[in-house]
Amino acid sequence: MKKRLLLATIAAFFTVKTSMAQTGDPAMEGSKFGLGADFAFPMGAFKDQTNYGVGASLLYQHPIAKNLNITGNVGYLELQGKKTIINLKYTEGFIPVKAGARYFLAENIYGGAELGVSISTASGNGSGTSFIYVPSAGVEFPVSDTGSVDVGIRYESWTRSSNTRSFIGIRAGYNF
């Protein structure tokens, strides 16, 4: 009886161990897309004219080495301005397009960097394209065999001519 119990325990251990080895962490494996909500909190002089920003983004990740993914990111961000002296309030829309890398420092914790452009959807004086640079950090929580929740924080700076707009950004998304 004891031998059977011992053999059953050993067989169960190896069965569980083998099945765990076959189930990978979706945050660490393969190419993936992600949809996310973006929030922007302006800093410096930009904070004097803008309250906040809200938008959405599509993220693509492709592994190129152990723990290292290249990324592509495109989205839409609408910035809500503060009221002016004559009680007008502006909104500006932008399409940020970025490429970069994401390195997983631990199992699901990452640091990243992106470069790109921000294209204004306005016409006239407010229109144009800005250069973007973005350092970031975040975490991906696996929630299924093929999906993970991605929460990140970033410093994002947009520069055009001699004007710089910077903000702290938060992104909450789902990667699949």
N, C-alpha and C. Protein backbone atom coordinates (compact mmCIF):
# COMPACT_ATOMS: atom_id res chain seq x y z
N MET A 1 0.82 -1.19 0.00
CA MET A 1 0.00 0.00 0.00
C MET A 1 0.87 1.26 0.00
N LYS A 2 1.92 1.24 0.85
CA LYS A 2 2.81 2.39 0.92
C LYS A 2 3.55 2.59 -0.39
N LYS A 3 3.94 1.48 -1.03
CA LYS A 3 4.64 1.57 -2.32
C LYS A 3 3.73 2.20 -3.37
N ARG A 4 2.48 1.79 -3.40
CA ARG A 4 1.53 2.35 -4.38
C ARG A 4 1.31 3.84 -4.13
N LEU A 5 1.17 4.22 -2.88
CA LEU A 5 0.98 5.64 -2.54
C LEU A 5 2.21 6.45 -2.95
N LEU A 6 3.40 5.91 -2.67
CA LEU A 6 4.63 6.59 -3.05
C LEU A 6 4.75 6.71 -4.57
N LEU A 7 4.46 5.63 -5.30
CA LEU A 7 4.51 5.66 -6.76
C LEU A 7 3.47 6.63 -7.33
N ALA A 8 2.28 6.66 -6.76
CA ALA A 8 1.24 7.58 -7.22
C ALA A 8 1.65 9.03 -6.97
N THR A 9 2.27 9.29 -5.82
CA THR A 9 2.73 10.64 -5.50
C THR A 9 3.83 11.08 -6.47
N ILE A 10 4.78 10.20 -6.74
CA ILE A 10 5.87 10.52 -7.68
C ILE A 10 5.31 10.75 -9.08
N ALA A 11 4.39 9.90 -9.52
CA ALA A 11 3.78 10.07 -10.85
C ALA A 11 3.01 11.39 -10.92
N ALA A 12 2.27 11.72 -9.88
CA ALA A 12 1.51 12.98 -9.86
C ALA A 12 2.46 14.17 -9.90
N PHE A 13 3.57 14.10 -9.15
CA PHE A 13 4.54 15.19 -9.15
C PHE A 13 5.11 15.43 -10.54
N PHE A 14 5.53 14.36 -11.23
CA PHE A 14 6.10 14.51 -12.56
C PHE A 14 5.06 14.96 -13.58
N THR A 15 3.81 14.53 -13.42
CA THR A 15 2.74 14.96 -14.32
C THR A 15 2.50 16.46 -14.17
N VAL A 16 2.41 16.93 -12.93
CA VAL A 16 2.19 18.36 -12.68
C VAL A 16 3.39 19.15 -13.15
N LYS A 17 4.60 18.68 -12.84
CA LYS A 17 5.82 19.39 -13.24
C LYS A 17 5.92 19.50 -14.76
N THR A 18 5.58 18.43 -15.49
CA THR A 18 5.64 18.44 -16.95
C THR A 18 4.59 19.38 -17.52
N SER A 19 3.38 19.37 -16.97
CA SER A 19 2.34 20.25 -17.51
C SER A 19 2.66 21.71 -17.21
N MET A 20 3.30 22.00 -16.07
CA MET A 20 3.69 23.37 -15.76
C MET A 20 4.78 23.84 -16.72
N ALA A 21 5.68 22.96 -17.09
CA ALA A 21 6.76 23.34 -18.01
C ALA A 21 6.22 23.65 -19.39
N GLN A 22 5.11 23.04 -19.79
CA GLN A 22 4.55 23.27 -21.11
C GLN A 22 3.70 24.53 -21.18
N THR A 23 3.23 25.02 -20.04
CA THR A 23 2.40 26.22 -20.02
C THR A 23 3.31 27.41 -19.78
N GLY A 24 3.52 28.23 -20.78
CA GLY A 24 4.41 29.37 -20.64
C GLY A 24 3.69 30.60 -20.15
N ASP A 25 4.46 31.54 -19.68
CA ASP A 25 3.94 32.82 -19.23
C ASP A 25 3.71 33.68 -20.47
N PRO A 26 2.46 34.11 -20.75
CA PRO A 26 2.20 34.87 -21.97
C PRO A 26 2.91 36.21 -22.02
N ALA A 27 3.31 36.73 -20.86
CA ALA A 27 4.03 38.00 -20.84
C ALA A 27 5.45 37.84 -21.38
N MET A 28 5.96 36.62 -21.39
CA MET A 28 7.35 36.40 -21.76
C MET A 28 7.53 35.68 -23.09
N GLU A 29 6.46 35.22 -23.72
CA GLU A 29 6.61 34.36 -24.89
C GLU A 29 5.94 34.92 -26.13
N GLY A 30 6.63 34.82 -27.25
CA GLY A 30 6.03 35.08 -28.55
C GLY A 30 5.64 36.51 -28.85
N SER A 31 5.27 36.73 -30.11
CA SER A 31 4.77 38.04 -30.56
C SER A 31 3.38 38.26 -29.98
N LYS A 32 3.04 39.52 -29.75
CA LYS A 32 1.73 39.82 -29.19
C LYS A 32 1.29 41.23 -29.54
N PHE A 33 -0.02 41.40 -29.57
CA PHE A 33 -0.65 42.71 -29.74
C PHE A 33 -1.27 43.10 -28.41
N GLY A 34 -1.41 44.40 -28.21
CA GLY A 34 -2.07 44.89 -27.01
C GLY A 34 -2.91 46.11 -27.32
N LEU A 35 -4.08 46.18 -26.70
CA LEU A 35 -4.94 47.35 -26.77
C LEU A 35 -4.93 48.00 -25.41
N GLY A 36 -4.81 49.34 -25.38
CA GLY A 36 -4.72 49.99 -24.08
C GLY A 36 -5.37 51.35 -24.02
N ALA A 37 -5.66 51.76 -22.80
CA ALA A 37 -6.14 53.11 -22.51
C ALA A 37 -4.96 53.91 -22.00
N ASP A 38 -4.81 55.14 -22.51
CA ASP A 38 -3.69 56.00 -22.14
C ASP A 38 -4.18 57.25 -21.43
N PHE A 39 -3.42 57.66 -20.41
CA PHE A 39 -3.73 58.87 -19.65
C PHE A 39 -2.46 59.71 -19.56
N ALA A 40 -2.59 61.02 -19.76
CA ALA A 40 -1.44 61.93 -19.74
C ALA A 40 -1.65 63.00 -18.68
N PHE A 41 -0.61 63.25 -17.88
CA PHE A 41 -0.64 64.26 -16.84
C PHE A 41 0.51 65.23 -17.11
N PRO A 42 0.21 66.41 -17.70
CA PRO A 42 1.23 67.36 -18.14
C PRO A 42 2.15 67.83 -17.01
N MET A 43 3.38 68.18 -17.40
CA MET A 43 4.40 68.67 -16.48
C MET A 43 4.95 70.00 -16.97
N GLY A 44 5.60 70.73 -16.07
CA GLY A 44 6.29 71.97 -16.41
C GLY A 44 5.37 73.02 -16.99
N ALA A 45 5.88 73.79 -17.97
CA ALA A 45 5.10 74.86 -18.61
C ALA A 45 3.88 74.30 -19.34
N PHE A 46 3.96 73.07 -19.81
CA PHE A 46 2.84 72.44 -20.50
C PHE A 46 1.64 72.28 -19.55
N LYS A 47 1.92 72.11 -18.26
CA LYS A 47 0.87 71.97 -17.25
C LYS A 47 0.07 73.26 -17.10
N ASP A 48 0.68 74.40 -17.39
CA ASP A 48 0.00 75.70 -17.27
C ASP A 48 -1.13 75.86 -18.28
N GLN A 49 -1.06 75.15 -19.41
CA GLN A 49 -2.07 75.31 -20.45
C GLN A 49 -2.94 74.08 -20.68
N THR A 50 -2.54 72.93 -20.10
CA THR A 50 -3.26 71.68 -20.35
C THR A 50 -3.58 70.97 -19.04
N ASN A 51 -4.83 70.53 -18.91
CA ASN A 51 -5.25 69.80 -17.70
C ASN A 51 -4.79 68.35 -17.71
N TYR A 52 -5.16 67.62 -18.76
CA TYR A 52 -4.88 66.19 -18.84
C TYR A 52 -5.08 65.72 -20.27
N GLY A 53 -4.72 64.47 -20.51
CA GLY A 53 -4.95 63.85 -21.81
C GLY A 53 -5.49 62.45 -21.63
N VAL A 54 -6.28 62.01 -22.59
CA VAL A 54 -6.83 60.66 -22.56
C VAL A 54 -6.86 60.11 -23.98
N GLY A 55 -6.63 58.82 -24.12
CA GLY A 55 -6.60 58.24 -25.46
C GLY A 55 -6.54 56.72 -25.43
N ALA A 56 -6.19 56.16 -26.56
CA ALA A 56 -6.09 54.71 -26.72
C ALA A 56 -4.89 54.40 -27.60
N SER A 57 -4.35 53.18 -27.45
CA SER A 57 -3.19 52.80 -28.26
C SER A 57 -3.21 51.32 -28.59
N LEU A 58 -2.51 51.00 -29.68
CA LEU A 58 -2.29 49.63 -30.12
C LEU A 58 -0.79 49.38 -30.04
N LEU A 59 -0.40 48.33 -29.33
CA LEU A 59 1.00 48.00 -29.11
C LEU A 59 1.30 46.64 -29.74
N TYR A 60 2.45 46.54 -30.41
CA TYR A 60 2.92 45.26 -30.94
C TYR A 60 4.28 44.97 -30.33
N GLN A 61 4.49 43.74 -29.88
CA GLN A 61 5.78 43.31 -29.34
C GLN A 61 6.25 42.06 -30.07
N HIS A 62 7.55 42.02 -30.36
CA HIS A 62 8.14 40.85 -31.01
C HIS A 62 9.47 40.53 -30.33
N PRO A 63 9.64 39.30 -29.83
CA PRO A 63 10.90 38.96 -29.16
C PRO A 63 12.06 38.86 -30.15
N ILE A 64 13.20 39.42 -29.74
CA ILE A 64 14.41 39.31 -30.57
C ILE A 64 15.55 38.64 -29.82
N ALA A 65 15.44 38.54 -28.50
CA ALA A 65 16.42 37.85 -27.67
C ALA A 65 15.72 37.48 -26.36
N LYS A 66 16.40 36.71 -25.55
CA LYS A 66 15.81 36.34 -24.25
C LYS A 66 15.51 37.61 -23.46
N ASN A 67 14.27 37.77 -23.05
CA ASN A 67 13.79 38.90 -22.25
C ASN A 67 13.76 40.24 -22.98
N LEU A 68 14.01 40.26 -24.29
CA LEU A 68 14.05 41.52 -25.03
C LEU A 68 13.08 41.49 -26.21
N ASN A 69 12.17 42.45 -26.23
CA ASN A 69 11.20 42.59 -27.32
C ASN A 69 11.39 43.93 -28.01
N ILE A 70 11.21 43.95 -29.34
CA ILE A 70 11.08 45.24 -30.02
C ILE A 70 9.60 45.59 -30.00
N THR A 71 9.30 46.89 -30.03
CA THR A 71 7.91 47.32 -29.92
C THR A 71 7.56 48.32 -31.02
N GLY A 72 6.30 48.33 -31.36
CA GLY A 72 5.72 49.34 -32.23
C GLY A 72 4.43 49.80 -31.56
N ASN A 73 4.19 51.09 -31.56
CA ASN A 73 3.05 51.63 -30.82
C ASN A 73 2.43 52.77 -31.62
N VAL A 74 1.12 52.72 -31.83
CA VAL A 74 0.40 53.81 -32.48
C VAL A 74 -0.89 54.05 -31.69
N GLY A 75 -1.30 55.30 -31.61
CA GLY A 75 -2.50 55.60 -30.83
C GLY A 75 -3.09 56.93 -31.17
N TYR A 76 -4.01 57.34 -30.33
CA TYR A 76 -4.62 58.66 -30.43
C TYR A 76 -4.70 59.21 -29.02
N LEU A 77 -4.26 60.47 -28.84
CA LEU A 77 -4.29 61.12 -27.53
C LEU A 77 -4.93 62.48 -27.68
N GLU A 78 -5.97 62.73 -26.89
CA GLU A 78 -6.63 64.03 -26.91
C GLU A 78 -6.29 64.77 -25.63
N LEU A 79 -5.72 65.97 -25.78
CA LEU A 79 -5.33 66.79 -24.65
C LEU A 79 -6.41 67.83 -24.37
N GLN A 80 -6.80 67.92 -23.11
CA GLN A 80 -7.83 68.87 -22.69
C GLN A 80 -7.16 70.11 -22.10
N GLY A 81 -7.35 71.25 -22.76
CA GLY A 81 -6.73 72.48 -22.30
C GLY A 81 -7.50 73.15 -21.18
N LYS A 82 -6.83 74.09 -20.53
CA LYS A 82 -7.47 74.89 -19.48
C LYS A 82 -8.21 76.05 -20.11
N LYS A 83 -9.16 76.61 -19.39
CA LYS A 83 -9.92 77.76 -19.89
C LYS A 83 -9.00 78.98 -19.98
N THR A 84 -9.19 79.77 -21.03
CA THR A 84 -8.40 80.98 -21.24
C THR A 84 -9.09 82.16 -20.58
N ILE A 85 -8.48 83.34 -20.72
CA ILE A 85 -9.02 84.56 -20.13
C ILE A 85 -10.43 84.85 -20.63
N ILE A 86 -10.68 84.58 -21.90
CA ILE A 86 -12.02 84.85 -22.44
C ILE A 86 -12.92 83.61 -22.36
N ASN A 87 -12.58 82.72 -21.41
CA ASN A 87 -13.39 81.55 -21.08
C ASN A 87 -13.52 80.53 -22.22
N LEU A 88 -12.51 80.45 -23.07
CA LEU A 88 -12.48 79.42 -24.11
C LEU A 88 -11.64 78.25 -23.61
N LYS A 89 -12.00 77.06 -24.03
CA LYS A 89 -11.25 75.87 -23.66
C LYS A 89 -10.91 75.12 -24.95
N TYR A 90 -9.66 74.72 -25.10
CA TYR A 90 -9.26 74.03 -26.32
C TYR A 90 -9.05 72.54 -26.05
N THR A 91 -9.15 71.77 -27.10
CA THR A 91 -8.73 70.36 -27.08
C THR A 91 -7.85 70.16 -28.31
N GLU A 92 -6.82 69.35 -28.14
CA GLU A 92 -5.92 69.03 -29.25
C GLU A 92 -5.83 67.53 -29.40
N GLY A 93 -5.84 67.05 -30.62
CA GLY A 93 -5.68 65.63 -30.88
C GLY A 93 -4.33 65.33 -31.51
N PHE A 94 -3.74 64.21 -31.12
CA PHE A 94 -2.44 63.81 -31.63
C PHE A 94 -2.42 62.32 -31.92
N ILE A 95 -1.65 61.94 -32.93
CA ILE A 95 -1.44 60.54 -33.27
C ILE A 95 0.04 60.24 -33.03
N PRO A 96 0.38 59.66 -31.87
CA PRO A 96 1.77 59.28 -31.62
C PRO A 96 2.09 57.94 -32.29
N VAL A 97 3.24 57.90 -32.97
CA VAL A 97 3.73 56.69 -33.63
C VAL A 97 5.15 56.45 -33.10
N LYS A 98 5.35 55.31 -32.41
CA LYS A 98 6.63 55.07 -31.73
C LYS A 98 7.14 53.66 -32.00
N ALA A 99 8.46 53.51 -31.95
CA ALA A 99 9.12 52.21 -32.03
C ALA A 99 10.18 52.17 -30.94
N GLY A 100 10.41 50.99 -30.40
CA GLY A 100 11.39 50.90 -29.33
C GLY A 100 11.68 49.49 -28.90
N ALA A 101 12.06 49.35 -27.63
CA ALA A 101 12.40 48.05 -27.07
C ALA A 101 11.87 47.96 -25.65
N ARG A 102 11.58 46.73 -25.26
CA ARG A 102 11.10 46.43 -23.90
C ARG A 102 11.94 45.28 -23.38
N TYR A 103 12.60 45.51 -22.22
CA TYR A 103 13.45 44.48 -21.62
C TYR A 103 12.82 44.03 -20.31
N PHE A 104 12.61 42.72 -20.17
CA PHE A 104 12.04 42.16 -18.95
C PHE A 104 13.15 41.94 -17.93
N LEU A 105 13.13 42.76 -16.86
CA LEU A 105 14.15 42.71 -15.82
C LEU A 105 13.95 41.50 -14.90
N ALA A 106 12.71 41.16 -14.68
CA ALA A 106 12.33 39.99 -13.89
C ALA A 106 11.21 39.31 -14.67
N GLU A 107 10.58 38.32 -14.08
CA GLU A 107 9.61 37.52 -14.84
C GLU A 107 8.58 38.37 -15.58
N ASN A 108 7.96 39.34 -14.95
CA ASN A 108 6.92 40.13 -15.61
C ASN A 108 7.17 41.64 -15.52
N ILE A 109 8.29 42.06 -14.97
CA ILE A 109 8.60 43.48 -14.78
C ILE A 109 9.52 43.93 -15.91
N TYR A 110 9.18 45.06 -16.54
CA TYR A 110 9.97 45.50 -17.68
C TYR A 110 10.36 46.98 -17.58
N GLY A 111 11.41 47.31 -18.32
CA GLY A 111 11.80 48.68 -18.57
C GLY A 111 11.83 48.85 -20.08
N GLY A 112 11.54 50.04 -20.56
CA GLY A 112 11.50 50.22 -22.01
C GLY A 112 11.93 51.60 -22.44
N ALA A 113 12.12 51.75 -23.73
CA ALA A 113 12.45 53.04 -24.33
C ALA A 113 11.87 53.05 -25.74
N GLU A 114 11.33 54.20 -26.13
CA GLU A 114 10.75 54.36 -27.47
C GLU A 114 11.13 55.72 -28.04
N LEU A 115 11.20 55.78 -29.37
CA LEU A 115 11.39 57.02 -30.12
C LEU A 115 10.31 57.06 -31.19
N GLY A 116 9.93 58.27 -31.60
CA GLY A 116 8.93 58.36 -32.64
C GLY A 116 8.52 59.77 -32.95
N VAL A 117 7.32 59.90 -33.51
CA VAL A 117 6.77 61.20 -33.87
C VAL A 117 5.34 61.30 -33.36
N SER A 118 4.93 62.53 -33.09
CA SER A 118 3.55 62.82 -32.72
C SER A 118 2.99 63.74 -33.80
N ILE A 119 1.93 63.30 -34.44
CA ILE A 119 1.33 64.05 -35.55
C ILE A 119 0.07 64.74 -35.05
N SER A 120 0.04 66.06 -35.14
CA SER A 120 -1.13 66.82 -34.70
C SER A 120 -2.27 66.64 -35.70
N THR A 121 -3.49 66.51 -35.18
CA THR A 121 -4.65 66.41 -36.06
C THR A 121 -5.26 67.78 -36.34
N ALA A 122 -4.68 68.83 -35.76
CA ALA A 122 -5.17 70.20 -35.98
C ALA A 122 -4.69 70.74 -37.32
N SER A 123 -5.35 71.77 -37.80
CA SER A 123 -4.88 72.48 -38.99
C SER A 123 -4.50 73.89 -38.58
N GLY A 124 -3.65 74.52 -39.34
CA GLY A 124 -3.24 75.88 -39.02
C GLY A 124 -2.03 75.92 -38.11
N ASN A 125 -1.98 76.92 -37.20
CA ASN A 125 -0.82 77.13 -36.33
C ASN A 125 -0.50 75.93 -35.44
N GLY A 126 -1.51 75.22 -34.95
CA GLY A 126 -1.28 74.12 -34.03
C GLY A 126 -0.83 72.84 -34.69
N SER A 127 -0.83 72.81 -36.01
CA SER A 127 -0.49 71.56 -36.70
C SER A 127 1.02 71.37 -36.77
N GLY A 128 1.41 70.14 -37.04
CA GLY A 128 2.83 69.84 -37.18
C GLY A 128 3.16 68.49 -36.59
N THR A 129 4.44 68.15 -36.68
CA THR A 129 4.92 66.87 -36.19
C THR A 129 6.01 67.12 -35.16
N SER A 130 5.94 66.41 -34.04
CA SER A 130 6.93 66.54 -32.97
C SER A 130 7.73 65.26 -32.84
N PHE A 131 8.99 65.39 -32.39
CA PHE A 131 9.84 64.25 -32.08
C PHE A 131 9.49 63.77 -30.67
N ILE A 132 9.40 62.45 -30.47
CA ILE A 132 9.04 61.88 -29.17
C ILE A 132 10.19 61.01 -28.65
N TYR A 133 10.46 61.12 -27.34
CA TYR A 133 11.29 60.11 -26.68
C TYR A 133 10.61 59.71 -25.37
N VAL A 134 10.69 58.41 -25.05
CA VAL A 134 9.91 57.86 -23.95
C VAL A 134 10.69 56.78 -23.18
N PRO A 135 11.11 57.05 -21.94
CA PRO A 135 11.54 55.96 -21.06
C PRO A 135 10.31 55.46 -20.29
N SER A 136 10.25 54.15 -20.01
CA SER A 136 9.06 53.61 -19.34
C SER A 136 9.40 52.43 -18.45
N ALA A 137 8.46 52.06 -17.60
CA ALA A 137 8.56 50.88 -16.75
C ALA A 137 7.16 50.34 -16.53
N GLY A 138 7.06 49.04 -16.30
CA GLY A 138 5.74 48.48 -16.07
C GLY A 138 5.79 47.02 -15.70
N VAL A 139 4.60 46.44 -15.68
CA VAL A 139 4.45 45.04 -15.32
C VAL A 139 3.34 44.42 -16.17
N GLU A 140 3.54 43.17 -16.57
CA GLU A 140 2.51 42.41 -17.28
C GLU A 140 2.07 41.26 -16.38
N PHE A 141 0.77 41.22 -16.07
CA PHE A 141 0.20 40.16 -15.24
C PHE A 141 -0.51 39.15 -16.13
N PRO A 142 -0.06 37.89 -16.17
CA PRO A 142 -0.77 36.88 -16.96
C PRO A 142 -2.17 36.64 -16.37
N VAL A 143 -3.19 36.60 -17.23
CA VAL A 143 -4.55 36.35 -16.78
C VAL A 143 -5.17 35.14 -17.47
N SER A 144 -4.50 34.62 -18.49
CA SER A 144 -4.95 33.41 -19.18
C SER A 144 -3.75 32.80 -19.88
N ASP A 145 -3.97 31.70 -20.58
CA ASP A 145 -2.87 31.05 -21.30
C ASP A 145 -2.32 31.91 -22.42
N THR A 146 -3.12 32.82 -22.95
CA THR A 146 -2.68 33.62 -24.09
C THR A 146 -2.75 35.12 -23.85
N GLY A 147 -3.14 35.57 -22.68
CA GLY A 147 -3.32 37.00 -22.46
C GLY A 147 -2.72 37.50 -21.16
N SER A 148 -2.43 38.80 -21.14
CA SER A 148 -1.89 39.43 -19.94
C SER A 148 -2.37 40.88 -19.86
N VAL A 149 -2.52 41.34 -18.63
CA VAL A 149 -2.84 42.74 -18.37
C VAL A 149 -1.50 43.47 -18.26
N ASP A 150 -1.39 44.60 -18.94
CA ASP A 150 -0.15 45.38 -19.01
C ASP A 150 -0.41 46.76 -18.40
N VAL A 151 0.31 47.08 -17.33
CA VAL A 151 0.18 48.38 -16.68
C VAL A 151 1.56 49.02 -16.65
N GLY A 152 1.67 50.23 -17.23
CA GLY A 152 2.97 50.89 -17.29
C GLY A 152 2.88 52.38 -17.02
N ILE A 153 4.02 52.93 -16.63
CA ILE A 153 4.14 54.37 -16.42
C ILE A 153 5.31 54.84 -17.26
N ARG A 154 5.21 56.08 -17.77
CA ARG A 154 6.26 56.58 -18.65
C ARG A 154 6.40 58.09 -18.50
N TYR A 155 7.59 58.57 -18.86
CA TYR A 155 7.82 59.99 -19.05
C TYR A 155 7.86 60.18 -20.56
N GLU A 156 7.02 61.06 -21.09
CA GLU A 156 6.98 61.26 -22.54
C GLU A 156 7.24 62.73 -22.85
N SER A 157 8.15 62.98 -23.78
CA SER A 157 8.50 64.34 -24.16
C SER A 157 8.34 64.50 -25.67
N TRP A 158 7.63 65.57 -26.08
CA TRP A 158 7.41 65.90 -27.49
C TRP A 158 8.11 67.21 -27.77
N THR A 159 8.99 67.23 -28.77
CA THR A 159 9.73 68.45 -29.11
C THR A 159 9.50 68.81 -30.57
N ARG A 160 9.14 70.09 -30.78
CA ARG A 160 8.98 70.63 -32.14
C ARG A 160 9.52 72.05 -32.11
N SER A 161 10.40 72.37 -33.06
CA SER A 161 11.11 73.66 -33.09
C SER A 161 11.81 73.82 -31.75
N SER A 162 11.51 74.86 -31.00
CA SER A 162 12.13 75.03 -29.68
C SER A 162 11.10 74.82 -28.57
N ASN A 163 9.96 74.23 -28.91
CA ASN A 163 8.89 74.02 -27.94
C ASN A 163 8.87 72.55 -27.49
N THR A 164 8.84 72.33 -26.19
CA THR A 164 8.78 70.97 -25.64
C THR A 164 7.56 70.81 -24.76
N ARG A 165 6.84 69.73 -24.99
CA ARG A 165 5.70 69.34 -24.15
C ARG A 165 6.07 68.02 -23.50
N SER A 166 5.91 67.94 -22.19
CA SER A 166 6.22 66.68 -21.52
C SER A 166 5.12 66.32 -20.54
N PHE A 167 4.97 65.02 -20.33
CA PHE A 167 3.94 64.56 -19.39
C PHE A 167 4.30 63.19 -18.84
N ILE A 168 3.67 62.86 -17.73
CA ILE A 168 3.73 61.51 -17.18
C ILE A 168 2.55 60.77 -17.77
N GLY A 169 2.82 59.63 -18.35
CA GLY A 169 1.77 58.83 -18.97
C GLY A 169 1.55 57.52 -18.24
N ILE A 170 0.31 57.10 -18.20
CA ILE A 170 -0.06 55.80 -17.64
C ILE A 170 -0.83 55.05 -18.71
N ARG A 171 -0.47 53.79 -18.90
CA ARG A 171 -1.17 52.95 -19.87
C ARG A 171 -1.63 51.68 -19.18
N ALA A 172 -2.90 51.35 -19.35
CA ALA A 172 -3.44 50.08 -18.88
C ALA A 172 -4.00 49.36 -20.09
N GLY A 173 -3.50 48.17 -20.35
CA GLY A 173 -3.91 47.47 -21.56
C GLY A 173 -4.04 45.98 -21.38
N TYR A 174 -4.47 45.33 -22.45
CA TYR A 174 -4.58 43.87 -22.48
C TYR A 174 -3.79 43.37 -23.68
N ASN A 175 -2.84 42.49 -23.43
CA ASN A 175 -2.01 41.91 -24.50
C ASN A 175 -2.50 40.51 -24.84
N PHE A 176 -2.56 40.22 -26.13
CA PHE A 176 -3.02 38.90 -26.56
C PHE A 176 -2.17 38.39 -27.71
